[in-house]
PDB file of all heavy atoms in Angstrom:
ATOM      1  N   ILE A   1      -2.238   0.956   1.552  1.00  0.00           N
ATOM      2  CA  ILE A   1      -1.080   1.037   0.660  1.00  0.00           C
ATOM      3  C   ILE A   1      -0.259   2.270   1.085  1.00  0.00           C
ATOM      4  O   ILE A   1      -0.801   3.395   1.139  1.00  0.00           O
ATOM      5  CB  ILE A   1      -1.405   1.173  -0.817  1.00  0.00           C
ATOM      6  CG1 ILE A   1      -2.296  -0.038  -1.188  1.00  0.00           C
ATOM      7  CG2 ILE A   1      -0.239   1.223  -1.642  1.00  0.00           C
ATOM      8  CD1 ILE A   1      -2.950   0.059  -2.610  1.00  0.00           C
ATOM      9  N   ASP A   2       1.016   2.107   1.431  1.00  0.00           N
ATOM     10  CA  ASP A   2       1.797   3.194   1.893  1.00  0.00           C
ATOM     11  C   ASP A   2       2.988   3.354   0.933  1.00  0.00           C
ATOM     12  O   ASP A   2       3.945   2.537   0.982  1.00  0.00           O
ATOM     13  CB  ASP A   2       2.365   2.978   3.327  1.00  0.00           C
ATOM     14  CG  ASP A   2       3.000   4.137   3.922  1.00  0.00           C
ATOM     15  OD1 ASP A   2       3.498   4.987   3.134  1.00  0.00           O
ATOM     16  OD2 ASP A   2       3.126   4.241   5.198  1.00  0.00           O
ATOM     17  N   TYR A   3       2.955   4.349   0.088  1.00  0.00           N
ATOM     18  CA  TYR A   3       4.027   4.554  -0.925  1.00  0.00           C
ATOM     19  C   TYR A   3       5.276   5.127  -0.343  1.00  0.00           C
ATOM     20  O   TYR A   3       6.296   5.132  -1.048  1.00  0.00           O
ATOM     21  CB  TYR A   3       3.436   5.514  -2.041  1.00  0.00           C
ATOM     22  CG  TYR A   3       2.316   4.834  -2.833  1.00  0.00           C
ATOM     23  CD1 TYR A   3       0.964   4.910  -2.371  1.00  0.00           C
ATOM     24  CD2 TYR A   3       2.577   4.118  -4.012  1.00  0.00           C
ATOM     25  CE1 TYR A   3      -0.020   4.296  -3.143  1.00  0.00           C
ATOM     26  CE2 TYR A   3       1.582   3.510  -4.771  1.00  0.00           C
ATOM     27  CZ  TYR A   3       0.250   3.667  -4.276  1.00  0.00           C
ATOM     28  OH  TYR A   3      -0.816   3.011  -5.013  1.00  0.00           O
ATOM     29  N   LEU A   4       5.138   5.537   0.942  1.00  0.00           N
ATOM     30  CA  LEU A   4       6.421   6.067   1.532  1.00  0.00           C
ATOM     31  C   LEU A   4       7.299   4.919   2.053  1.00  0.00           C
ATOM     32  O   LEU A   4       8.514   4.880   1.851  1.00  0.00           O
ATOM     33  CB  LEU A   4       6.096   7.041   2.697  1.00  0.00           C
ATOM     34  CG  LEU A   4       7.261   7.828   3.272  1.00  0.00           C
ATOM     35  CD1 LEU A   4       8.009   8.666   2.212  1.00  0.00           C
ATOM     36  CD2 LEU A   4       6.769   8.663   4.421  1.00  0.00           C
ATOM     37  N   THR A   5       6.683   3.986   2.707  1.00  0.00           N
ATOM     38  CA  THR A   5       7.419   2.787   3.131  1.00  0.00           C
ATOM     39  C   THR A   5       7.538   1.691   2.030  1.00  0.00           C
ATOM     40  O   THR A   5       8.411   0.829   2.149  1.00  0.00           O
ATOM     41  CB  THR A   5       6.641   2.079   4.366  1.00  0.00           C
ATOM     42  OG1 THR A   5       5.370   1.614   3.920  1.00  0.00           O
ATOM     43  CG2 THR A   5       6.462   3.032   5.495  1.00  0.00           C
ATOM     44  N   GLY A   6       6.753   1.855   0.961  1.00  0.00           N
ATOM     45  CA  GLY A   6       6.840   0.973  -0.132  1.00  0.00           C
ATOM     46  C   GLY A   6       6.051  -0.347   0.129  1.00  0.00           C
ATOM     47  O   GLY A   6       6.437  -1.353  -0.430  1.00  0.00           O
ATOM     48  N   ASP A   7       5.136  -0.338   1.067  1.00  0.00           N
ATOM     49  CA  ASP A   7       4.390  -1.586   1.452  1.00  0.00           C
ATOM     50  C   ASP A   7       2.891  -1.496   1.095  1.00  0.00           C
ATOM     51  O   ASP A   7       2.251  -0.398   1.190  1.00  0.00           O
ATOM     52  CB  ASP A   7       4.468  -1.735   2.947  1.00  0.00           C
ATOM     53  CG  ASP A   7       5.976  -2.062   3.375  1.00  0.00           C
ATOM     54  OD1 ASP A   7       6.719  -2.743   2.609  1.00  0.00           O
ATOM     55  OD2 ASP A   7       6.302  -1.552   4.516  1.00  0.00           O
ATOM     56  N   LYS A   8       2.328  -2.639   0.729  1.00  0.00           N
ATOM     57  CA  LYS A   8       0.888  -2.860   0.574  1.00  0.00           C
ATOM     58  C   LYS A   8       0.434  -3.930   1.550  1.00  0.00           C
ATOM     59  O   LYS A   8       0.957  -5.043   1.490  1.00  0.00           O
ATOM     60  CB  LYS A   8       0.552  -3.172  -0.859  1.00  0.00           C
ATOM     61  CG  LYS A   8      -0.986  -3.430  -1.021  1.00  0.00           C
ATOM     62  CD  LYS A   8      -1.420  -3.523  -2.424  1.00  0.00           C
ATOM     63  CE  LYS A   8      -1.232  -4.947  -2.930  1.00  0.00           C
ATOM     64  NZ  LYS A   8      -1.809  -5.156  -4.296  1.00  0.00           N
ATOM     65  N   LEU A   9      -0.437  -3.562   2.526  1.00  0.00           N
ATOM     66  CA  LEU A   9      -0.896  -4.537   3.485  1.00  0.00           C
ATOM     67  C   LEU A   9      -2.318  -4.989   3.041  1.00  0.00           C
ATOM     68  O   LEU A   9      -3.220  -4.234   2.947  1.00  0.00           O
ATOM     69  CB  LEU A   9      -0.957  -3.926   4.829  1.00  0.00           C
ATOM     70  CG  LEU A   9      -1.159  -4.886   5.989  1.00  0.00           C
ATOM     71  CD1 LEU A   9      -0.047  -5.880   6.177  1.00  0.00           C
ATOM     72  CD2 LEU A   9      -1.351  -4.053   7.333  1.00  0.00           C
ATOM     73  N   SER A  10      -2.454  -6.256   2.604  1.00  0.00           N
ATOM     74  CA  SER A  10      -3.690  -6.714   2.109  1.00  0.00           C
ATOM     75  C   SER A  10      -3.999  -8.063   2.767  1.00  0.00           C
ATOM     76  O   SER A  10      -3.276  -9.049   2.704  1.00  0.00           O
ATOM     77  CB  SER A  10      -3.540  -6.950   0.598  1.00  0.00           C
ATOM     78  OG  SER A  10      -4.721  -7.448   0.032  1.00  0.00           O
ATOM     79  N   SER A  11      -5.164  -8.041   3.513  1.00  0.00           N
ATOM     80  CA  SER A  11      -5.631  -9.294   4.225  1.00  0.00           C
ATOM     81  C   SER A  11      -4.578  -9.822   5.103  1.00  0.00           C
ATOM     82  O   SER A  11      -4.277 -11.039   5.158  1.00  0.00           O
ATOM     83  CB  SER A  11      -6.071 -10.375   3.257  1.00  0.00           C
ATOM     84  OG  SER A  11      -7.065  -9.857   2.375  1.00  0.00           O
ATOM     85  N   GLY A  12      -3.826  -8.990   5.777  1.00  0.00           N
ATOM     86  CA  GLY A  12      -2.716  -9.354   6.698  1.00  0.00           C
ATOM     87  C   GLY A  12      -1.426  -9.702   6.128  1.00  0.00           C
ATOM     88  O   GLY A  12      -0.479  -9.940   6.780  1.00  0.00           O
ATOM     89  N   LYS A  13      -1.378  -9.701   4.734  1.00  0.00           N
ATOM     90  CA  LYS A  13      -0.126  -9.961   4.076  1.00  0.00           C
ATOM     91  C   LYS A  13       0.544  -8.686   3.506  1.00  0.00           C
ATOM     92  O   LYS A  13      -0.147  -7.869   2.920  1.00  0.00           O
ATOM     93  CB  LYS A  13      -0.363 -10.963   2.868  1.00  0.00           C
ATOM     94  CG  LYS A  13      -0.914 -12.295   3.349  1.00  0.00           C
ATOM     95  CD  LYS A  13      -1.100 -13.220   2.170  1.00  0.00           C
ATOM     96  CE  LYS A  13      -1.659 -14.580   2.554  1.00  0.00           C
ATOM     97  NZ  LYS A  13      -1.927 -15.434   1.371  1.00  0.00           N
ATOM     98  N   LYS A  14       1.866  -8.649   3.682  1.00  0.00           N
ATOM     99  CA  LYS A  14       2.550  -7.474   3.278  1.00  0.00           C
ATOM    100  C   LYS A  14       3.287  -7.736   1.885  1.00  0.00           C
ATOM    101  O   LYS A  14       3.917  -8.739   1.811  1.00  0.00           O
ATOM    102  CB  LYS A  14       3.593  -7.057   4.311  1.00  0.00           C
ATOM    103  CG  LYS A  14       4.257  -5.727   3.984  1.00  0.00           C
ATOM    104  CD  LYS A  14       5.285  -5.337   5.113  1.00  0.00           C
ATOM    105  CE  LYS A  14       4.615  -4.797   6.334  1.00  0.00           C
ATOM    106  NZ  LYS A  14       5.611  -4.269   7.291  1.00  0.00           N
ATOM    107  N   GLU A  15       3.013  -6.834   1.020  1.00  0.00           N
ATOM    108  CA  GLU A  15       3.734  -6.928  -0.297  1.00  0.00           C
ATOM    109  C   GLU A  15       4.542  -5.689  -0.549  1.00  0.00           C
ATOM    110  O   GLU A  15       4.174  -4.548  -0.128  1.00  0.00           O
ATOM    111  CB  GLU A  15       2.686  -6.987  -1.460  1.00  0.00           C
ATOM    112  CG  GLU A  15       1.834  -8.261  -1.425  1.00  0.00           C
ATOM    113  CD  GLU A  15       0.762  -8.257  -2.525  1.00  0.00           C
ATOM    114  OE1 GLU A  15       1.111  -7.738  -3.578  1.00  0.00           O
ATOM    115  OE2 GLU A  15      -0.342  -8.705  -2.294  1.00  0.00           O
ATOM    116  N   ALA A  16       5.590  -5.787  -1.321  1.00  0.00           N
ATOM    117  CA  ALA A  16       6.413  -4.657  -1.688  1.00  0.00           C
ATOM    118  C   ALA A  16       5.838  -3.971  -2.955  1.00  0.00           C
ATOM    119  O   ALA A  16       5.321  -4.655  -3.885  1.00  0.00           O
ATOM    120  CB  ALA A  16       7.860  -5.091  -2.003  1.00  0.00           C
ATOM    121  N   LEU A  17       5.839  -2.631  -3.015  1.00  0.00           N
ATOM    122  CA  LEU A  17       5.292  -1.930  -4.142  1.00  0.00           C
ATOM    123  C   LEU A  17       6.420  -1.601  -5.165  1.00  0.00           C
ATOM    124  O   LEU A  17       7.575  -1.419  -4.757  1.00  0.00           O
ATOM    125  CB  LEU A  17       4.745  -0.513  -3.677  1.00  0.00           C
ATOM    126  CG  LEU A  17       3.632  -0.584  -2.669  1.00  0.00           C
ATOM    127  CD1 LEU A  17       3.277   0.813  -2.232  1.00  0.00           C
ATOM    128  CD2 LEU A  17       2.349  -1.185  -3.412  1.00  0.00           C
ATOM    129  N   ALA A  18       6.085  -1.675  -6.430  1.00  0.00           N
ATOM    130  CA  ALA A  18       7.027  -1.423  -7.504  1.00  0.00           C
ATOM    131  C   ALA A  18       6.922   0.092  -7.974  1.00  0.00           C
ATOM    132  O   ALA A  18       6.760   0.458  -9.073  1.00  0.00           O
ATOM    133  CB  ALA A  18       6.719  -2.302  -8.700  1.00  0.00           C
ATOM    134  N   PHE A  19       7.057   0.962  -6.908  1.00  0.00           N
ATOM    135  CA  PHE A  19       6.962   2.396  -7.203  1.00  0.00           C
ATOM    136  C   PHE A  19       8.069   3.085  -6.397  1.00  0.00           C
ATOM    137  O   PHE A  19       8.537   2.701  -5.370  1.00  0.00           O
ATOM    138  CB  PHE A  19       5.598   3.040  -6.666  1.00  0.00           C
ATOM    139  CG  PHE A  19       4.424   2.660  -7.445  1.00  0.00           C
ATOM    140  CD1 PHE A  19       3.619   1.540  -7.182  1.00  0.00           C
ATOM    141  CD2 PHE A  19       3.981   3.448  -8.446  1.00  0.00           C
ATOM    142  CE1 PHE A  19       2.490   1.194  -7.904  1.00  0.00           C
ATOM    143  CE2 PHE A  19       2.867   3.243  -9.230  1.00  0.00           C
ATOM    144  CZ  PHE A  19       2.100   2.110  -8.927  1.00  0.00           C
ATOM    145  N   PRO A  20       8.527   4.222  -6.926  1.00  0.00           N
ATOM    146  CA  PRO A  20       9.516   4.991  -6.161  1.00  0.00           C
ATOM    147  C   PRO A  20       8.796   5.535  -4.814  1.00  0.00           C
ATOM    148  O   PRO A  20       7.503   5.611  -4.768  1.00  0.00           O
ATOM    149  CB  PRO A  20       9.733   6.277  -7.037  1.00  0.00           C
ATOM    150  CG  PRO A  20       9.394   5.808  -8.402  1.00  0.00           C
ATOM    151  CD  PRO A  20       8.280   4.854  -8.258  1.00  0.00           C
ATOM    152  N   LYS A  21       9.499   5.807  -3.824  1.00  0.00           N
ATOM    153  CA  LYS A  21       8.985   6.273  -2.553  1.00  0.00           C
ATOM    154  C   LYS A  21       8.278   7.595  -2.704  1.00  0.00           C
ATOM    155  O   LYS A  21       8.806   8.562  -3.342  1.00  0.00           O
ATOM    156  CB  LYS A  21      10.027   6.296  -1.462  1.00  0.00           C
ATOM    157  CG  LYS A  21      10.735   5.059  -1.107  1.00  0.00           C
ATOM    158  CD  LYS A  21       9.827   4.014  -0.484  1.00  0.00           C
ATOM    159  CE  LYS A  21      10.523   2.633  -0.241  1.00  0.00           C
ATOM    160  NZ  LYS A  21      11.552   2.727   0.712  1.00  0.00           N
ATOM    161  N   SER A  22       7.102   7.717  -2.127  1.00  0.00           N
ATOM    162  CA  SER A  22       6.361   8.974  -2.150  1.00  0.00           C
ATOM    163  C   SER A  22       5.388   9.046  -0.960  1.00  0.00           C
ATOM    164  O   SER A  22       4.859   8.052  -0.537  1.00  0.00           O
ATOM    165  CB  SER A  22       5.493   9.035  -3.433  1.00  0.00           C
ATOM    166  OG  SER A  22       4.883  10.266  -3.575  1.00  0.00           O
ATOM    167  N   ASN A  23       5.164  10.217  -0.444  1.00  0.00           N
ATOM    168  CA  ASN A  23       4.419  10.397   0.752  1.00  0.00           C
ATOM    169  C   ASN A  23       2.857  10.410   0.417  1.00  0.00           C
ATOM    170  O   ASN A  23       2.208  11.318   0.433  1.00  0.00           O
ATOM    171  CB  ASN A  23       4.686  11.701   1.429  1.00  0.00           C
ATOM    172  CG  ASN A  23       4.173  11.801   2.834  1.00  0.00           C
ATOM    173  OD1 ASN A  23       3.670  10.803   3.443  1.00  0.00           O
ATOM    174  ND2 ASN A  23       4.225  12.980   3.459  1.00  0.00           N
ATOM    175  N   VAL A  24       2.422   9.126   0.151  1.00  0.00           N
ATOM    176  CA  VAL A  24       0.954   8.928  -0.199  1.00  0.00           C
ATOM    177  C   VAL A  24       0.449   7.701   0.540  1.00  0.00           C
ATOM    178  O   VAL A  24       1.179   6.681   0.722  1.00  0.00           O
ATOM    179  CB  VAL A  24       0.827   8.712  -1.757  1.00  0.00           C
ATOM    180  CG1 VAL A  24      -0.670   8.583  -2.103  1.00  0.00           C
ATOM    181  CG2 VAL A  24       1.460   9.718  -2.577  1.00  0.00           C
ATOM    182  N   LEU A  25      -0.726   7.812   1.040  1.00  0.00           N
ATOM    183  CA  LEU A  25      -1.428   6.719   1.680  1.00  0.00           C
ATOM    184  C   LEU A  25      -2.695   6.424   0.966  1.00  0.00           C
ATOM    185  O   LEU A  25      -3.387   7.340   0.470  1.00  0.00           O
ATOM    186  CB  LEU A  25      -1.761   7.060   3.122  1.00  0.00           C
ATOM    187  CG  LEU A  25      -0.749   6.896   4.258  1.00  0.00           C
ATOM    188  CD1 LEU A  25      -1.256   7.484   5.500  1.00  0.00           C
ATOM    189  CD2 LEU A  25      -0.435   5.454   4.459  1.00  0.00           C
ATOM    190  N   GLN A  26      -3.019   5.182   0.850  1.00  0.00           N
ATOM    191  CA  GLN A  26      -4.350   4.731   0.263  1.00  0.00           C
ATOM    192  C   GLN A  26      -4.992   3.719   1.075  1.00  0.00           C
ATOM    193  O   GLN A  26      -4.417   2.780   1.628  1.00  0.00           O
ATOM    194  CB  GLN A  26      -4.114   4.169  -1.195  1.00  0.00           C
ATOM    195  CG  GLN A  26      -3.784   5.307  -2.172  1.00  0.00           C
ATOM    196  CD  GLN A  26      -3.760   4.726  -3.530  1.00  0.00           C
ATOM    197  OE1 GLN A  26      -3.245   3.638  -3.804  1.00  0.00           O
ATOM    198  NE2 GLN A  26      -4.270   5.566  -4.524  1.00  0.00           N
ATOM    199  N   TYR A  27      -6.326   3.867   1.269  1.00  0.00           N
ATOM    200  CA  TYR A  27      -7.208   2.853   1.958  1.00  0.00           C
ATOM    201  C   TYR A  27      -8.135   2.338   0.913  1.00  0.00           C
ATOM    202  O   TYR A  27      -8.804   3.165   0.282  1.00  0.00           O
ATOM    203  CB  TYR A  27      -7.956   3.423   3.159  1.00  0.00           C
ATOM    204  CG  TYR A  27      -7.051   4.205   4.172  1.00  0.00           C
ATOM    205  CD1 TYR A  27      -7.505   5.456   4.627  1.00  0.00           C
ATOM    206  CD2 TYR A  27      -5.888   3.669   4.697  1.00  0.00           C
ATOM    207  CE1 TYR A  27      -6.807   6.132   5.588  1.00  0.00           C
ATOM    208  CE2 TYR A  27      -5.128   4.363   5.631  1.00  0.00           C
ATOM    209  CZ  TYR A  27      -5.560   5.575   6.077  1.00  0.00           C
ATOM    210  OH  TYR A  27      -4.830   6.225   7.076  1.00  0.00           O
ATOM    211  N   ILE A  28      -8.271   1.030   0.765  1.00  0.00           N
ATOM    212  CA  ILE A  28      -9.267   0.449  -0.159  1.00  0.00           C
ATOM    213  C   ILE A  28     -10.203  -0.482   0.604  1.00  0.00           C
ATOM    214  O   ILE A  28      -9.664  -1.256   1.426  1.00  0.00           O
ATOM    215  CB  ILE A  28      -8.482  -0.242  -1.260  1.00  0.00           C
ATOM    216  CG1 ILE A  28      -7.668   0.763  -2.050  1.00  0.00           C
ATOM    217  CG2 ILE A  28      -9.471  -0.917  -2.211  1.00  0.00           C
ATOM    218  CD1 ILE A  28      -6.667   0.124  -3.017  1.00  0.00           C
ATOM    219  N   THR A  29     -11.435  -0.326   0.347  1.00  0.00           N
ATOM    220  CA  THR A  29     -12.441  -1.154   1.141  1.00  0.00           C
ATOM    221  C   THR A  29     -12.975  -2.303   0.297  1.00  0.00           C
ATOM    222  O   THR A  29     -12.724  -2.300  -0.944  1.00  0.00           O
ATOM    223  CB  THR A  29     -13.586  -0.248   1.642  1.00  0.00           C
ATOM    224  OG1 THR A  29     -14.405   0.107   0.516  1.00  0.00           O
ATOM    225  CG2 THR A  29     -13.046   0.957   2.372  1.00  0.00           C
ATOM    226  N   ASP A  30     -13.726  -3.141   0.856  1.00  0.00           N
ATOM    227  CA  ASP A  30     -14.203  -4.324   0.073  1.00  0.00           C
ATOM    228  C   ASP A  30     -15.350  -3.950  -0.864  1.00  0.00           C
ATOM    229  O   ASP A  30     -15.759  -4.788  -1.670  1.00  0.00           O
ATOM    230  CB  ASP A  30     -14.677  -5.453   1.015  1.00  0.00           C
ATOM    231  CG  ASP A  30     -15.777  -5.037   2.011  1.00  0.00           C
ATOM    232  OD1 ASP A  30     -16.332  -3.865   1.884  1.00  0.00           O
ATOM    233  OD2 ASP A  30     -16.163  -5.803   2.863  1.00  0.00           O
ATOM    234  N   ASP A  31     -15.903  -2.711  -0.856  1.00  0.00           N
ATOM    235  CA  ASP A  31     -16.861  -2.341  -1.835  1.00  0.00           C
ATOM    236  C   ASP A  31     -16.229  -1.404  -2.912  1.00  0.00           C
ATOM    237  O   ASP A  31     -16.959  -0.617  -3.551  1.00  0.00           O
ATOM    238  CB  ASP A  31     -18.097  -1.699  -1.189  1.00  0.00           C
ATOM    239  CG  ASP A  31     -17.803  -0.357  -0.573  1.00  0.00           C
ATOM    240  OD1 ASP A  31     -16.570   0.081  -0.503  1.00  0.00           O
ATOM    241  OD2 ASP A  31     -18.701   0.364  -0.139  1.00  0.00           O
ATOM    242  N   LYS A  32     -14.902  -1.451  -3.008  1.00  0.00           N
ATOM    243  CA  LYS A  32     -14.097  -0.785  -4.033  1.00  0.00           C
ATOM    244  C   LYS A  32     -14.059   0.746  -3.789  1.00  0.00           C
ATOM    245  O   LYS A  32     -13.685   1.570  -4.659  1.00  0.00           O
ATOM    246  CB  LYS A  32     -14.620  -1.060  -5.473  1.00  0.00           C
ATOM    247  CG  LYS A  32     -14.451  -2.496  -5.847  1.00  0.00           C
ATOM    248  CD  LYS A  32     -14.769  -2.606  -7.360  1.00  0.00           C
ATOM    249  CE  LYS A  32     -14.470  -4.056  -7.795  1.00  0.00           C
ATOM    250  NZ  LYS A  32     -14.717  -4.266  -9.230  1.00  0.00           N
TER     251      LYS A  32
END
């Protein structure tokens, strides 16, 4: 999840985030 570009990449699919732009990155794994 990249809050700067406004994109969430999940299982190869890109979704738009409903957040204002911000310089934050998140990595989420399959074990939460």
